[in-house]
C-alpha atoms as a PDB file:
ATOM      1  CA  MET A   1      69.967 -11.839  79.706  1.00  0.00           C
ATOM      2  CA  GLU A   2      72.478 -10.838  77.080  1.00  0.00           C
ATOM      3  CA  LEU A   3      73.887  -7.341  77.443  1.00  0.00           C
ATOM      4  CA  LYS A   4      74.636  -5.202  74.393  1.00  0.00           C
ATOM      5  CA  GLY A   5      77.823  -3.197  73.869  1.00  0.00           C
ATOM      6  CA  LYS A   6      76.460   0.115  75.142  1.00  0.00           C
ATOM      7  CA  GLN A   7      75.055  -1.564  78.237  1.00  0.00           C
ATOM      8  CA  LYS A   8      78.357  -3.245  79.057  1.00  0.00           C
ATOM      9  CA  ARG A   9      80.241  -0.007  78.490  1.00  0.00           C
ATOM     10  CA  TYR A  10      77.906   1.807  80.910  1.00  0.00           C
ATOM     11  CA  LEU A  11      78.314  -0.924  83.536  1.00  0.00           C
ATOM     12  CA  ARG A  12      82.100  -0.886  83.185  1.00  0.00           C
ATOM     13  CA  ALA A  13      82.076   2.872  83.746  1.00  0.00           C
ATOM     14  CA  GLN A  14      79.909   2.469  86.854  1.00  0.00           C
ATOM     15  CA  ALA A  15      82.130  -0.324  88.206  1.00  0.00           C
ATOM     16  CA  HIS A  16      85.382   1.560  87.660  1.00  0.00           C
ATOM     17  CA  HIS A  17      85.347   3.240  91.080  1.00  0.00           C
ATOM     18  CA  LEU A  18      84.121   0.169  93.007  1.00  0.00           C
ATOM     19  CA  ASN A  19      86.394  -1.834  95.265  1.00  0.00           C
ATOM     20  CA  PRO A  20      86.180  -5.647  95.155  1.00  0.00           C
ATOM     21  CA  LEU A  21      83.688  -6.978  97.719  1.00  0.00           C
ATOM     22  CA  PHE A  22      84.793 -10.606  97.630  1.00  0.00           C
ATOM     23  CA  GLN A  23      88.097 -12.406  97.305  1.00  0.00           C
ATOM     24  CA  VAL A  24      88.474 -15.924  95.967  1.00  0.00           C
ATOM     25  CA  GLY A  25      91.440 -17.720  97.512  1.00  0.00           C
ATOM     26  CA  LYS A  26      92.769 -21.254  97.561  1.00  0.00           C
ATOM     27  CA  GLY A  27      89.475 -22.524  98.978  1.00  0.00           C
ATOM     28  CA  GLY A  28      87.794 -21.605  95.714  1.00  0.00           C
ATOM     29  CA  VAL A  29      84.112 -20.740  95.414  1.00  0.00           C
ATOM     30  CA  ASN A  30      81.953 -22.557  97.961  1.00  0.00           C
ATOM     31  CA  GLU A  31      78.212 -22.582  98.673  1.00  0.00           C
ATOM     32  CA  GLU A  32      78.456 -19.943 101.423  1.00  0.00           C
ATOM     33  CA  MET A  33      80.364 -17.572  99.150  1.00  0.00           C
ATOM     34  CA  LEU A  34      77.820 -18.085  96.347  1.00  0.00           C
ATOM     35  CA  LYS A  35      75.023 -17.232  98.766  1.00  0.00           C
ATOM     36  CA  GLN A  36      76.796 -14.056  99.928  1.00  0.00           C
ATOM     37  CA  ILE A  37      77.569 -12.962  96.354  1.00  0.00           C
ATOM     38  CA  ASP A  38      73.928 -13.476  95.383  1.00  0.00           C
ATOM     39  CA  GLU A  39      72.767 -11.416  98.385  1.00  0.00           C
ATOM     40  CA  ALA A  40      75.226  -8.629  97.535  1.00  0.00           C
ATOM     41  CA  LEU A  41      74.038  -8.562  93.931  1.00  0.00           C
ATOM     42  CA  ALA A  42      70.426  -8.417  95.126  1.00  0.00           C
ATOM     43  CA  LYS A  43      71.176  -5.174  96.950  1.00  0.00           C
ATOM     44  CA  ARG A  44      73.861  -3.536  94.782  1.00  0.00           C
ATOM     45  CA  GLU A  45      73.304  -4.988  91.274  1.00  0.00           C
ATOM     46  CA  LEU A  46      76.957  -4.392  90.366  1.00  0.00           C
ATOM     47  CA  ILE A  47      79.966  -5.791  92.254  1.00  0.00           C
ATOM     48  CA  LYS A  48      83.607  -6.693  91.760  1.00  0.00           C
ATOM     49  CA  ILE A  49      85.296  -9.939  92.801  1.00  0.00           C
ATOM     50  CA  ASN A  50      89.064 -10.307  93.151  1.00  0.00           C
ATOM     51  CA  LEU A  51      90.959 -13.584  92.671  1.00  0.00           C
ATOM     52  CA  LEU A  52      93.945 -13.914  94.976  1.00  0.00           C
ATOM     53  CA  GLN A  53      97.334 -15.209  93.808  1.00  0.00           C
ATOM     54  CA  ASN A  54      97.023 -18.464  95.740  1.00  0.00           C
ATOM     55  CA  THR A  55      93.827 -19.609  93.993  1.00  0.00           C
ATOM     56  CA  ASP A  56      93.959 -22.578  91.639  1.00  0.00           C
ATOM     57  CA  LEU A  57      90.998 -21.305  89.611  1.00  0.00           C
ATOM     58  CA  THR A  58      91.199 -19.131  86.521  1.00  0.00           C
ATOM     59  CA  PRO A  59      88.976 -16.056  86.186  1.00  0.00           C
ATOM     60  CA  GLY A  60      87.089 -17.829  83.395  1.00  0.00           C
ATOM     61  CA  GLU A  61      86.297 -20.822  85.618  1.00  0.00           C
ATOM     62  CA  VAL A  62      85.025 -18.570  88.414  1.00  0.00           C
ATOM     63  CA  ALA A  63      82.935 -16.558  85.933  1.00  0.00           C
ATOM     64  CA  GLU A  64      81.376 -19.730  84.507  1.00  0.00           C
ATOM     65  CA  THR A  65      80.589 -21.053  87.982  1.00  0.00           C
ATOM     66  CA  LEU A  66      78.919 -17.785  88.993  1.00  0.00           C
ATOM     67  CA  GLN A  67      76.908 -17.534  85.773  1.00  0.00           C
ATOM     68  CA  ASN A  68      75.637 -21.104  86.095  1.00  0.00           C
ATOM     69  CA  THR A  69      74.760 -21.001  89.788  1.00  0.00           C
ATOM     70  CA  ILE A  70      73.459 -17.506  90.560  1.00  0.00           C
ATOM     71  CA  ASP A  71      72.431 -16.459  87.036  1.00  0.00           C
ATOM     72  CA  CYS A  72      74.415 -13.225  86.916  1.00  0.00           C
ATOM     73  CA  GLU A  73      76.034 -11.495  83.970  1.00  0.00           C
ATOM     74  CA  VAL A  74      79.830 -11.211  83.845  1.00  0.00           C
ATOM     75  CA  VAL A  75      80.375  -7.714  82.474  1.00  0.00           C
ATOM     76  CA  GLN A  76      84.160  -7.757  82.353  1.00  0.00           C
ATOM     77  CA  ILE A  77      87.219  -9.745  83.362  1.00  0.00           C
ATOM     78  CA  ILE A  78      90.405  -7.743  83.802  1.00  0.00           C
ATOM     79  CA  GLY A  79      93.332  -9.816  84.982  1.00  0.00           C
ATOM     80  CA  LYS A  80      92.055 -11.368  88.186  1.00  0.00           C
ATOM     81  CA  VAL A  81      89.116  -9.012  88.748  1.00  0.00           C
ATOM     82  CA  LEU A  82      85.564  -9.871  87.675  1.00  0.00           C
ATOM     83  CA  VAL A  83      82.724  -7.362  87.332  1.00  0.00           C
ATOM     84  CA  LEU A  84      79.281  -8.909  87.882  1.00  0.00           C
ATOM     85  CA  PHE A  85      75.792  -7.552  87.209  1.00  0.00           C
ATOM     86  CA  LYS A  86      72.379  -8.902  88.157  1.00  0.00           C
ATOM     87  CA  VAL A  87      69.035  -7.115  88.255  1.00  0.00           C
ATOM     88  CA  ALA A  88      67.834  -6.697  91.839  1.00  0.00           C
ATOM     89  CA  PRO A  89      64.664  -8.667  92.609  1.00  0.00           C
ATOM     90  CA  LYS A  90      63.226  -5.847  94.747  1.00  0.00           C
ATOM     91  CA  GLU A  91      62.222  -2.581  93.103  1.00  0.00           C
ATOM     92  CA  LYS A  92      63.752  -0.373  95.818  1.00  0.00           C
ATOM     93  CA  TYR A  93      67.284  -1.663  95.079  1.00  0.00           C
ATOM     94  CA  ARG A  94      67.092  -1.125  91.312  1.00  0.00           C
ATOM     95  CA  LYS A  95      69.260   1.918  90.764  1.00  0.00           C
ATOM     96  CA  ILE A  96      71.465   0.781  87.885  1.00  0.00           C
ATOM     97  CA  SER A  97      69.262  -1.626  85.923  1.00  0.00           C
ATOM     98  CA  PRO A  98      66.674   0.950  84.671  1.00  0.00           C
ATOM     99  CA  LYS A  99      69.506   2.935  83.068  1.00  0.00           C
ATOM    100  CA  VAL A 100      70.998  -0.243  81.595  1.00  0.00           C
ATOM    101  CA  PHE A 101      67.683  -1.274  80.034  1.00  0.00           C
ATOM    102  CA  ALA A 102      67.121   2.252  78.687  1.00  0.00           C
ATOM    103  CA  LEU A 103      70.422   1.931  76.794  1.00  0.00           C
ATOM    104  CA  GLY A 104      69.285  -1.341  75.232  1.00  0.00           C
ATOM    105  CA  LYS A 105      66.351   0.203  73.417  1.00  0.00           C
END
């Protein structure tokens, strides 16, 4: 799914007040972390991830890994903070995605 400019702008505004849920350290991104990130996205649709100073990975590498493995959309990368979006599989958790799709029309 490719997000348009208005959709990304809306998601950035929604993510502004969020605190990062996950931190990537020197251990990098492992299978357990990918599973937890996917579960968090399934319930929240929009999360932030923070890269710690001791990590060897760049934000771009982490973003590419997440996009390829859990099929999420990287909305924004600011410094060492990533904003991720993925449509929730269950209808009851879809609070943000209907508004995002309405902006795309």
